């Protein structure tokens, strides 16, 4: 290796080290400001336990918000700088590449031991575990809010938990884990740490699977795609700091795709079913996977697909059996999927129909229109799959359309699924759209705290979250798609 090459390698490694150290400092600022915003105006009573932070102070909130938003924007600037370095070939040196892969692991480990401050979902997982550990307890029949009437709520309340969630909308595999985490630890702190540990392990497993899939399908993008996922602030904060279970769902889906592109139909279907048993969303990608397998593995796909579905069906029956309460088992999913009036495609459709039909009927029509349109889109997209690259394209497109158009609700961590799939196909339309989606997700993340602590009206908070989190990224996606179409159309002429 020449001296010039060694010097370039040292320079690139130094750049990555600077980006990593600066990012670590910024994550500390983000975490600290989240904690300060959480305490600013905190005043709630749960099960007779008063939880009070500091007196609501708007000037202090403005300083805290400035710190949060400034650090968040700088994190994305550094993230984009790293991606540009990777795209430009500046991470070919082994030291630079190693640092680029190690730093985000350290970010995850550092935030693992913190408490969630922007969402109470991880605490509700613990509440589900508590319900499931009771004699005859069933989170599919007993709402999480019921825990607010028990003595255990006094342990949850100091962490900021509120009894606002209903029946669990999650699959039984995740419910088993919630119960196991509570049984093994017996308290909030221990269960929370165990849940977050599994979530972080699953998230790092996602990065490993992205690396593996790209190594087989698009080796030239192997490092770039992996860094797109690993360094994204949504992935680091929503999984390591907040502990959302989407990471486990995504790792099952990516495992299914990895097996799919290797021509392993049966285990691929089993992995998909396991993802569905965490959260039901991975079911929307099955048509694309089936189309790919039937096109590329015709001689044996049908038999192995049937075998995979039989094994997956047996697992589903086994996991559902202890919790089964008929169709009421899916009541949490049904209630969570009800449309609300908002500045988003689904919300705008519902609002328009509400002016013509009663609200209940308008909600039903909205859901049928969205489901029908999405089924057509998934069907057409799946039929176009010809090879592994086409499969990854289809899954990324389906994920973006689902989150930005079809889903009736939105939370910042929803951006993690499209990002993970776009990381497998980092093109110039999908990737900028996914990055915009994740940036907007981090911008709206504090709104829930501001609403809970009384700084903003709940209706305004919801509308702002939907407008910034959904409508802005959708507009960017549509604009980039139009530009690509115009470019291709012009080239043909």
Protein backbone atom coordinates (compact mmCIF):
# COMPACT_ATOMS: atom_id res chain seq x y z
CA UNK A 1 0.00 0.00 0.00
CA UNK A 2 1.43 3.38 -1.00
CA UNK A 3 1.98 6.25 1.43
CA UNK A 4 -0.71 8.25 -0.34
CA UNK A 5 -3.23 5.46 0.11
CA UNK A 6 -2.32 5.09 3.78
CA UNK A 7 -2.70 8.83 4.30
CA UNK A 8 -6.11 8.77 2.63
CA UNK A 9 -7.12 5.87 4.85
CA UNK A 10 -6.04 7.71 7.99
CA UNK A 11 -7.87 10.83 6.86
CA UNK A 12 -11.09 8.89 6.20
CA UNK A 13 -10.85 7.07 9.54
CA UNK A 14 -10.36 10.43 11.27
CA UNK A 15 -13.43 11.84 9.52
CA UNK A 16 -15.55 8.91 10.64
CA UNK A 17 -14.17 9.22 14.18
CA UNK A 18 -15.08 12.91 14.26
CA UNK A 19 -18.58 12.19 12.94
CA UNK A 20 -19.01 9.41 15.49
CA UNK A 21 -17.77 11.41 18.49
CA UNK A 22 -19.84 14.45 17.50
CA UNK A 23 -22.90 12.23 17.04
CA UNK A 24 -22.37 10.65 20.46
CA UNK A 25 -22.29 14.11 22.07
CA UNK A 26 -25.44 15.11 20.18
CA UNK A 27 -27.28 11.96 21.33
CA UNK A 28 -26.47 12.98 24.89
CA UNK A 29 -27.98 16.40 24.18
CA UNK A 30 -31.08 14.81 22.61
CA UNK A 31 -31.54 12.45 25.55
CA UNK A 32 -31.01 15.22 28.12
CA UNK A 33 -33.42 17.62 26.41
CA UNK A 34 -36.03 14.86 26.07
CA UNK A 35 -35.74 14.30 29.82
CA UNK A 36 -36.00 18.03 30.57
CA UNK A 37 -39.05 18.44 28.31
CA UNK A 38 -40.61 15.38 29.95
CA UNK A 39 -40.24 16.98 33.40
CA UNK A 40 -41.26 20.49 32.32
CA UNK A 41 -44.91 20.76 33.38
CA UNK A 42 -45.23 17.10 34.41
CA UNK A 43 -48.18 16.81 36.81
CA UNK A 44 -50.21 13.62 36.79
CA UNK A 45 -51.85 11.26 39.24
CA UNK A 46 -52.12 7.52 38.61
CA UNK A 47 -53.59 5.09 41.15
CA UNK A 48 -53.30 7.70 43.88
CA UNK A 49 -49.64 8.35 43.07
CA UNK A 50 -48.78 11.95 42.28
CA UNK A 51 -45.97 12.32 39.75
CA UNK A 52 -44.74 15.87 39.48
CA UNK A 53 -41.77 17.32 37.68
CA UNK A 54 -41.03 21.01 37.40
CA UNK A 55 -43.57 23.80 37.12
CA UNK A 56 -44.52 24.41 33.51
CA UNK A 57 -42.21 27.07 32.13
CA UNK A 58 -42.54 28.20 28.51
CA UNK A 59 -39.23 30.14 28.29
CA UNK A 60 -37.40 27.10 29.62
CA UNK A 61 -39.31 24.91 27.18
CA UNK A 62 -38.16 27.11 24.29
CA UNK A 63 -34.53 26.61 25.34
CA UNK A 64 -35.05 22.87 25.74
CA UNK A 65 -36.76 22.64 22.36
CA UNK A 66 -33.96 24.61 20.73
CA UNK A 67 -31.45 22.16 22.18
CA UNK A 68 -33.48 19.16 21.03
CA UNK A 69 -34.17 20.39 17.50
CA UNK A 70 -30.68 21.80 17.01
CA UNK A 71 -29.07 18.53 18.10
CA UNK A 72 -31.51 16.48 15.99
CA UNK A 73 -30.84 18.49 12.83
CA UNK A 74 -27.09 18.26 13.38
CA UNK A 75 -27.39 14.49 13.85
CA UNK A 76 -29.03 14.23 10.45
CA UNK A 77 -26.38 16.47 8.90
CA UNK A 78 -23.62 14.20 10.24
CA UNK A 79 -25.60 11.12 9.16
CA UNK A 80 -25.92 12.45 5.61
CA UNK A 81 -22.22 13.39 5.58
CA UNK A 82 -21.31 9.81 6.47
CA UNK A 83 -23.57 8.46 3.71
CA UNK A 84 -21.99 10.84 1.18
CA UNK A 85 -18.53 9.67 2.26
CA UNK A 86 -19.62 6.08 1.80
CA UNK A 87 -21.22 6.76 -1.59
CA UNK A 88 -18.07 8.55 -2.70
CA UNK A 89 -15.85 5.59 -1.81
CA UNK A 90 -14.20 7.19 1.21
CA UNK A 91 -14.91 4.24 3.52
CA UNK A 92 -12.92 1.62 1.61
CA UNK A 93 -10.16 1.71 4.22
CA UNK A 94 -10.62 -1.00 6.84
CA UNK A 95 -10.25 1.38 9.79
CA UNK A 96 -12.83 3.83 8.46
CA UNK A 97 -15.25 1.01 7.65
CA UNK A 98 -14.82 -0.59 11.08
CA UNK A 99 -15.40 2.71 12.87
CA UNK A 100 -18.49 3.35 10.74
CA UNK A 101 -19.95 0.03 11.87
CA UNK A 102 -18.86 0.20 15.52
CA UNK A 103 -20.02 3.72 16.45
CA UNK A 104 -23.79 3.11 15.99
CA UNK A 105 -23.48 -0.08 18.06
CA UNK A 106 -22.02 2.06 20.84
CA UNK A 107 -24.86 4.59 20.45
CA UNK A 108 -27.35 1.76 20.94
CA UNK A 109 -25.57 0.37 23.98
CA UNK A 110 -25.29 3.83 25.53
CA UNK A 111 -29.01 4.56 25.24
CA UNK A 112 -30.07 1.05 26.25
CA UNK A 113 -29.87 1.86 29.96
CA UNK A 114 -31.88 5.08 29.73
CA UNK A 115 -35.61 5.48 30.25
CA UNK A 116 -38.12 6.26 27.49
CA UNK A 117 -39.31 9.88 27.64
CA UNK A 118 -41.19 10.40 24.36
CA UNK A 119 -43.51 7.39 24.41
CA UNK A 120 -45.11 5.17 27.06
CA UNK A 121 -45.37 2.12 24.78
CA UNK A 122 -42.47 0.26 26.43
CA UNK A 123 -44.15 0.81 29.82
CA UNK A 124 -47.41 -0.52 28.42
CA UNK A 125 -45.50 -3.65 27.35
CA UNK A 126 -44.67 -4.10 31.03
CA UNK A 127 -48.34 -3.53 31.92
CA UNK A 128 -49.32 -6.25 29.43
CA UNK A 129 -46.81 -8.56 31.09
CA UNK A 130 -48.33 -7.81 34.49
CA UNK A 131 -51.84 -8.58 33.19
CA UNK A 132 -50.70 -11.82 31.57
CA UNK A 133 -48.98 -12.94 34.77
CA UNK A 134 -52.19 -12.69 36.78
CA UNK A 135 -54.32 -15.85 37.17
CA UNK A 136 -56.59 -15.88 34.14
CA UNK A 137 -55.06 -12.61 32.92
CA UNK A 138 -55.26 -11.93 29.18
CA UNK A 139 -54.11 -8.68 27.49
CA UNK A 140 -56.50 -9.49 24.63
CA UNK A 141 -59.45 -9.38 27.03
CA UNK A 142 -58.25 -6.81 29.59
CA UNK A 143 -57.25 -3.31 28.54
CA UNK A 144 -53.86 -1.99 29.63
CA UNK A 145 -55.67 1.00 31.18
CA UNK A 146 -57.18 -1.41 33.75
CA UNK A 147 -53.76 -1.61 35.39
CA UNK A 148 -54.30 2.02 36.41
CA UNK A 149 -56.70 0.73 39.09
CA UNK A 150 -54.15 -1.65 40.61
CA UNK A 151 -51.29 -1.20 43.03
CA UNK A 152 -48.82 -2.06 40.24
CA UNK A 153 -49.69 1.27 38.59
CA UNK A 154 -47.83 2.96 41.42
CA UNK A 155 -44.64 1.35 40.13
CA UNK A 156 -45.36 2.41 36.53
CA UNK A 157 -46.46 5.97 37.30
CA UNK A 158 -43.03 7.43 38.25
CA UNK A 159 -41.76 6.45 34.77
CA UNK A 160 -44.48 8.59 33.17
CA UNK A 161 -46.92 5.81 32.32
CA UNK A 162 -50.57 6.76 31.86
CA UNK A 163 -53.55 4.35 31.76
CA UNK A 164 -54.66 5.34 28.25
CA UNK A 165 -54.07 2.22 26.14
CA UNK A 166 -56.75 -0.35 25.43
CA UNK A 167 -56.58 -4.00 24.43
CA UNK A 168 -53.25 -5.13 23.01
CA UNK A 169 -52.93 -4.73 19.24
CA UNK A 170 -49.85 -6.97 19.09
CA UNK A 171 -49.40 -10.58 18.07
CA UNK A 172 -49.18 -13.42 20.61
CA UNK A 173 -45.43 -13.99 20.14
CA UNK A 174 -44.78 -10.51 21.48
CA UNK A 175 -47.38 -11.00 24.22
CA UNK A 176 -45.58 -14.16 25.36
CA UNK A 177 -42.37 -12.17 25.58
CA UNK A 178 -44.03 -9.35 27.55
CA UNK A 179 -45.26 -11.89 30.09
CA UNK A 180 -41.91 -13.69 30.22
CA UNK A 181 -40.05 -10.40 30.77
CA UNK A 182 -42.30 -9.57 33.71
CA UNK A 183 -42.10 -13.07 35.20
CA UNK A 184 -38.30 -13.08 35.00
CA UNK A 185 -37.81 -9.65 36.58
CA UNK A 186 -40.93 -8.95 38.63
CA UNK A 187 -40.59 -5.18 38.39
CA UNK A 188 -40.74 -2.25 36.03
CA UNK A 189 -37.03 -1.43 35.77
CA UNK A 190 -35.93 -5.01 35.20
CA UNK A 191 -38.68 -5.80 32.69
CA UNK A 192 -38.03 -2.55 30.85
CA UNK A 193 -34.30 -3.28 30.58
CA UNK A 194 -34.93 -6.84 29.38
CA UNK A 195 -37.44 -5.66 26.77
CA UNK A 196 -35.08 -2.95 25.52
CA UNK A 197 -32.18 -5.41 25.41
CA UNK A 198 -34.13 -7.73 23.12
CA UNK A 199 -35.27 -4.76 21.00
CA UNK A 200 -31.68 -3.50 20.59
CA UNK A 201 -30.42 -7.00 19.78
CA UNK A 202 -33.18 -7.31 17.15
CA UNK A 203 -32.28 -3.90 15.69
CA UNK A 204 -28.61 -4.83 15.38
CA UNK A 205 -29.77 -8.12 13.87
CA UNK A 206 -31.65 -6.06 11.26
CA UNK A 207 -28.39 -4.36 10.30
CA UNK A 208 -26.65 -7.73 10.00
CA UNK A 209 -29.43 -9.05 7.76
CA UNK A 210 -29.34 -5.93 5.57
CA UNK A 211 -25.60 -6.52 5.17
CA UNK A 212 -26.23 -10.16 4.27
CA UNK A 213 -29.05 -9.49 1.80
CA UNK A 214 -27.16 -6.73 0.01
CA UNK A 215 -24.04 -8.89 -0.13
CA UNK A 216 -26.06 -11.32 -2.21
CA UNK A 217 -28.25 -8.97 -4.27
CA UNK A 218 -26.37 -5.64 -4.52
CA UNK A 219 -22.79 -6.02 -3.22
CA UNK A 220 -21.90 -2.49 -4.38
CA UNK A 221 -24.44 -1.08 -1.89
CA UNK A 222 -23.67 -3.44 0.97
CA UNK A 223 -21.94 -0.93 3.24
CA UNK A 224 -24.11 2.02 2.20
CA UNK A 225 -27.39 0.22 2.86
CA UNK A 226 -26.20 -1.04 6.22
CA UNK A 227 -25.13 2.46 7.28
CA UNK A 228 -28.43 3.93 6.03
CA UNK A 229 -30.12 1.78 8.66
CA UNK A 230 -27.57 1.72 11.48
CA UNK A 231 -26.82 5.46 11.68
CA UNK A 232 -30.37 6.75 11.28
CA UNK A 233 -31.46 8.66 14.43
CA UNK A 234 -34.95 7.12 14.28
CA UNK A 235 -33.44 3.65 14.57
CA UNK A 236 -31.08 4.64 17.39
CA UNK A 237 -33.59 6.62 19.47
CA UNK A 238 -36.85 4.76 18.88
CA UNK A 239 -35.31 1.34 19.53
CA UNK A 240 -32.42 1.87 21.94
CA UNK A 241 -33.91 4.75 23.96
CA UNK A 242 -37.66 4.17 23.57
CA UNK A 243 -37.73 0.37 23.19
CA UNK A 244 -40.39 -0.09 20.50
CA UNK A 245 -41.14 -3.67 19.47
CA UNK A 246 -41.08 -2.84 15.73
CA UNK A 247 -37.43 -3.95 15.74
CA UNK A 248 -38.43 -7.55 16.43
CA UNK A 249 -41.06 -7.45 13.69
CA UNK A 250 -38.56 -6.01 11.20
CA UNK A 251 -35.84 -8.55 12.00
CA UNK A 252 -38.32 -11.38 11.30
CA UNK A 253 -39.32 -9.75 8.00
CA UNK A 254 -35.70 -9.23 6.94
CA UNK A 255 -34.89 -12.82 7.89
CA UNK A 256 -37.78 -13.89 5.67
CA UNK A 257 -36.45 -11.79 2.77
CA UNK A 258 -32.92 -13.13 3.29
CA UNK A 259 -34.22 -16.70 3.10
CA UNK A 260 -36.43 -15.77 0.17
CA UNK A 261 -33.59 -14.48 -2.02
CA UNK A 262 -31.60 -17.61 -1.14
CA UNK A 263 -34.44 -19.76 -2.51
CA UNK A 264 -35.58 -21.16 0.85
CA UNK A 265 -39.40 -20.93 0.59
CA UNK A 266 -40.42 -22.92 3.68
CA UNK A 267 -38.23 -21.20 6.30
CA UNK A 268 -38.93 -17.86 4.61
CA UNK A 269 -42.66 -18.28 5.17
CA UNK A 270 -42.08 -19.40 8.77
CA UNK A 271 -40.02 -16.26 9.43
CA UNK A 272 -42.80 -14.13 7.91
CA UNK A 273 -45.37 -15.75 10.15
CA UNK A 274 -43.19 -15.10 13.19
CA UNK A 275 -43.06 -11.42 12.18
CA UNK A 276 -46.85 -11.37 11.88
CA UNK A 277 -47.07 -12.90 15.36
CA UNK A 278 -45.18 -9.87 16.70
CA UNK A 279 -47.14 -7.21 14.76
CA UNK A 280 -49.46 -8.00 11.88
CA UNK A 281 -47.91 -5.62 9.32
CA UNK A 282 -45.49 -8.14 7.63
CA UNK A 283 -48.53 -9.85 6.07
CA UNK A 284 -48.68 -7.05 3.45
CA UNK A 285 -45.35 -8.21 1.97
CA UNK A 286 -46.38 -11.84 1.45
CA UNK A 287 -47.80 -11.33 -2.08
CA UNK A 288 -44.48 -9.90 -3.31
CA UNK A 289 -42.55 -12.76 -1.69
CA UNK A 290 -44.91 -15.35 -3.13
CA UNK A 291 -44.65 -13.81 -6.58
CA UNK A 292 -40.85 -13.90 -6.42
CA UNK A 293 -40.66 -17.48 -5.17
CA UNK A 294 -43.15 -18.81 -7.70
CA UNK A 295 -41.30 -17.10 -10.55
CA UNK A 296 -37.78 -18.10 -9.56
CA UNK A 297 -38.30 -21.47 -7.87
CA UNK A 298 -41.15 -22.93 -9.94
CA UNK A 299 -40.14 -26.56 -9.73
CA UNK A 300 -40.32 -26.77 -5.96
CA UNK A 301 -41.78 -23.52 -4.62
CA UNK A 302 -45.40 -24.62 -4.37
CA UNK A 303 -44.64 -27.67 -2.23
CA UNK A 304 -42.23 -25.83 0.06
CA UNK A 305 -44.53 -22.84 0.33
CA UNK A 306 -47.34 -25.10 1.48
CA UNK A 307 -44.96 -26.70 3.97
CA UNK A 308 -43.89 -23.26 5.24
CA UNK A 309 -47.47 -22.12 5.67
CA UNK A 310 -48.39 -25.35 7.46
CA UNK A 311 -45.53 -24.90 9.92
CA UNK A 312 -46.36 -21.21 10.31
CA UNK A 313 -50.04 -22.02 10.80
CA UNK A 314 -49.20 -24.57 13.48
CA UNK A 315 -47.04 -21.99 15.26
CA UNK A 316 -49.81 -19.40 15.03
CA UNK A 317 -52.34 -21.82 16.51
CA UNK A 318 -49.97 -22.72 19.33
CA UNK A 319 -49.22 -19.09 20.19
CA UNK A 320 -52.81 -17.88 19.92
CA UNK A 321 -54.41 -20.77 21.81
CA UNK A 322 -53.82 -19.56 25.42
CA UNK A 323 -55.11 -16.06 24.60
CA UNK A 324 -57.89 -16.86 22.15
CA UNK A 325 -61.22 -15.12 22.87
CA UNK A 326 -62.74 -15.47 19.41
CA UNK A 327 -62.68 -12.54 17.01
CA UNK A 328 -62.42 -10.29 20.06
CA UNK A 329 -58.74 -11.31 20.07
CA UNK A 330 -58.25 -8.80 17.25
CA UNK A 331 -60.34 -6.03 18.81
CA UNK A 332 -57.24 -4.04 19.76
CA UNK A 333 -56.10 -4.05 16.12
CA UNK A 334 -59.58 -3.09 14.91
CA UNK A 335 -59.86 -0.16 17.30
CA UNK A 336 -56.36 1.07 16.51
CA UNK A 337 -57.15 0.97 12.79
CA UNK A 338 -60.16 3.28 12.95
CA UNK A 339 -59.68 6.40 10.79
CA UNK A 340 -59.53 9.89 12.27
CA UNK A 341 -59.91 13.26 10.62
CA UNK A 342 -56.43 14.62 9.95
CA UNK A 343 -54.28 16.34 7.27
CA UNK A 344 -53.22 13.00 5.77
CA UNK A 345 -54.60 10.97 2.84
CA UNK A 346 -56.62 8.60 5.03
CA UNK A 347 -57.74 11.40 7.36
CA UNK A 348 -58.76 13.66 4.49
CA UNK A 349 -60.78 10.86 2.89
CA UNK A 350 -62.52 10.15 6.19
CA UNK A 351 -63.28 13.85 6.74
CA UNK A 352 -64.77 14.14 3.25
CA UNK A 353 -66.97 11.09 3.73
CA UNK A 354 -68.03 12.27 7.21
CA UNK A 355 -69.72 15.22 5.52
CA UNK A 356 -71.93 12.78 3.62
CA UNK A 357 -72.38 9.77 5.92
CA UNK A 358 -72.63 9.24 9.69
CA UNK A 359 -69.20 8.88 11.30
CA UNK A 360 -69.40 5.10 11.80
CA UNK A 361 -70.47 4.49 8.21
CA UNK A 362 -67.87 6.95 6.91
CA UNK A 363 -65.17 5.08 8.84
CA UNK A 364 -66.23 1.76 7.30
CA UNK A 365 -66.28 3.18 3.77
CA UNK A 366 -62.89 4.81 4.32
CA UNK A 367 -61.33 1.55 5.44
CA UNK A 368 -62.83 -0.36 2.50
CA UNK A 369 -61.56 2.20 -0.02
CA UNK A 370 -58.08 2.22 1.51
CA UNK A 371 -57.93 -1.57 1.73
CA UNK A 372 -59.15 -2.00 -1.84
CA UNK A 373 -56.76 0.57 -3.31
CA UNK A 374 -53.84 -0.87 -1.33
CA UNK A 375 -54.69 -4.42 -2.40
CA UNK A 376 -54.62 -3.31 -6.04
CA UNK A 377 -51.29 -1.54 -5.53
CA UNK A 378 -49.75 -4.54 -3.76
CA UNK A 379 -51.07 -6.89 -6.42
CA UNK A 380 -49.68 -4.85 -9.34
CA UNK A 381 -46.36 -4.29 -7.56
CA UNK A 382 -46.05 -8.01 -6.76
CA UNK A 383 -46.83 -9.07 -10.33
CA UNK A 384 -43.93 -6.92 -11.56
CA UNK A 385 -41.39 -8.77 -9.41
CA UNK A 386 -38.99 -10.65 -11.68
CA UNK A 387 -35.85 -11.07 -9.60
CA UNK A 388 -34.37 -10.43 -6.15
CA UNK A 389 -33.74 -6.75 -6.87
CA UNK A 390 -37.35 -6.39 -7.98
CA UNK A 391 -38.54 -8.06 -4.77
CA UNK A 392 -36.62 -5.58 -2.64
CA UNK A 393 -37.94 -2.67 -4.72
CA UNK A 394 -41.49 -3.94 -4.29
CA UNK A 395 -41.19 -4.33 -0.51
CA UNK A 396 -39.70 -0.84 -0.10
CA UNK A 397 -42.49 0.71 -2.21
CA UNK A 398 -45.20 -1.21 -0.35
CA UNK A 399 -43.81 -0.07 3.01
CA UNK A 400 -43.71 3.60 2.01
CA UNK A 401 -47.23 3.55 0.55
CA UNK A 402 -48.56 1.74 3.62
CA UNK A 403 -47.15 4.27 6.10
CA UNK A 404 -47.74 7.42 4.04
CA UNK A 405 -51.08 6.65 2.39
CA UNK A 406 -52.91 3.67 3.86
CA UNK A 407 -52.21 3.65 7.60
CA UNK A 408 -54.91 5.52 9.51
CA UNK A 409 -52.59 6.31 12.40
CA UNK A 410 -49.01 7.49 12.62
CA UNK A 411 -46.31 7.48 15.26
CA UNK A 412 -42.65 8.44 14.79
CA UNK A 413 -41.37 4.87 15.08
CA UNK A 414 -43.51 3.84 12.10
CA UNK A 415 -40.72 5.31 9.94
CA UNK A 416 -38.40 2.45 10.94
CA UNK A 417 -40.01 -0.19 8.71
CA UNK A 418 -39.83 1.78 5.42
CA UNK A 419 -36.26 2.83 6.24
CA UNK A 420 -35.12 -0.76 6.82
CA UNK A 421 -36.57 -1.86 3.48
CA UNK A 422 -35.38 1.20 1.56
CA UNK A 423 -31.89 0.47 2.91
CA UNK A 424 -32.01 -2.63 0.71
CA UNK A 425 -32.68 -0.46 -2.37
CA UNK A 426 -31.01 2.93 -1.73
CA UNK A 427 -32.09 4.59 -4.98
CA UNK A 428 -32.48 8.30 -5.66
CA UNK A 429 -36.27 8.35 -5.18
CA UNK A 430 -36.90 5.89 -2.36
CA UNK A 431 -33.88 6.82 -0.24
CA UNK A 432 -34.48 10.61 -0.06
CA UNK A 433 -38.16 9.91 0.67
CA UNK A 434 -37.29 7.54 3.52
CA UNK A 435 -34.73 9.98 4.92
CA UNK A 436 -37.33 12.78 4.83
CA UNK A 437 -39.77 10.46 6.59
CA UNK A 438 -37.29 9.73 9.38
CA UNK A 439 -36.27 13.37 9.80
CA UNK A 440 -39.91 14.42 10.10
CA UNK A 441 -40.46 11.57 12.58
CA UNK A 442 -37.80 12.99 14.90
CA UNK A 443 -39.22 16.51 14.49
CA UNK A 444 -42.71 15.50 15.66
CA UNK A 445 -41.52 13.10 18.38
CA UNK A 446 -41.77 15.65 21.27
CA UNK A 447 -45.36 16.62 20.45
CA UNK A 448 -46.82 13.87 22.62
CA UNK A 449 -44.90 15.18 25.64
CA UNK A 450 -45.95 18.77 24.93
CA UNK A 451 -49.59 17.70 24.74
CA UNK A 452 -49.39 15.54 27.90
CA UNK A 453 -47.79 18.36 29.88
CA UNK A 454 -50.41 20.86 28.74
CA UNK A 455 -48.36 23.10 26.44
CA UNK A 456 -50.39 22.44 23.27
CA UNK A 457 -53.95 21.43 22.47
CA UNK A 458 -54.41 17.69 21.72
CA UNK A 459 -56.19 18.37 18.43
CA UNK A 460 -53.45 20.72 17.26
CA UNK A 461 -50.80 18.22 18.37
CA UNK A 462 -52.44 15.45 16.35
CA UNK A 463 -52.92 17.57 13.23
CA UNK A 464 -49.34 18.86 13.36
CA UNK A 465 -47.99 15.35 13.84
CA UNK A 466 -49.89 14.05 10.82
CA UNK A 467 -49.11 17.07 8.62
CA UNK A 468 -45.37 17.02 9.28
CA UNK A 469 -44.89 13.29 9.84
CA UNK A 470 -46.98 12.03 6.91
CA UNK A 471 -47.98 14.75 4.45
CA UNK A 472 -44.54 16.38 4.05
CA UNK A 473 -42.69 13.08 3.29
CA UNK A 474 -45.53 12.02 0.97
CA UNK A 475 -45.23 15.30 -0.97
CA UNK A 476 -41.48 14.72 -1.32
CA UNK A 477 -42.04 11.14 -2.52
CA UNK A 478 -44.60 12.28 -5.11
CA UNK A 479 -42.35 15.11 -6.32
CA UNK A 480 -39.34 12.83 -6.73
CA UNK A 481 -41.46 10.21 -8.50
CA UNK A 482 -42.75 12.87 -10.89
CA UNK A 483 -39.22 14.10 -11.58
CA UNK A 484 -38.07 10.55 -12.30
CA UNK A 485 -40.99 10.00 -14.67
CA UNK A 486 -40.27 13.28 -16.49
CA UNK A 487 -36.59 12.38 -16.77
CA UNK A 488 -37.36 8.99 -18.28
CA UNK A 489 -40.03 10.42 -20.57
CA UNK A 490 -37.64 13.11 -21.82
CA UNK A 491 -34.87 10.56 -22.37
CA UNK A 492 -37.17 8.41 -24.52
CA UNK A 493 -38.04 11.36 -26.73
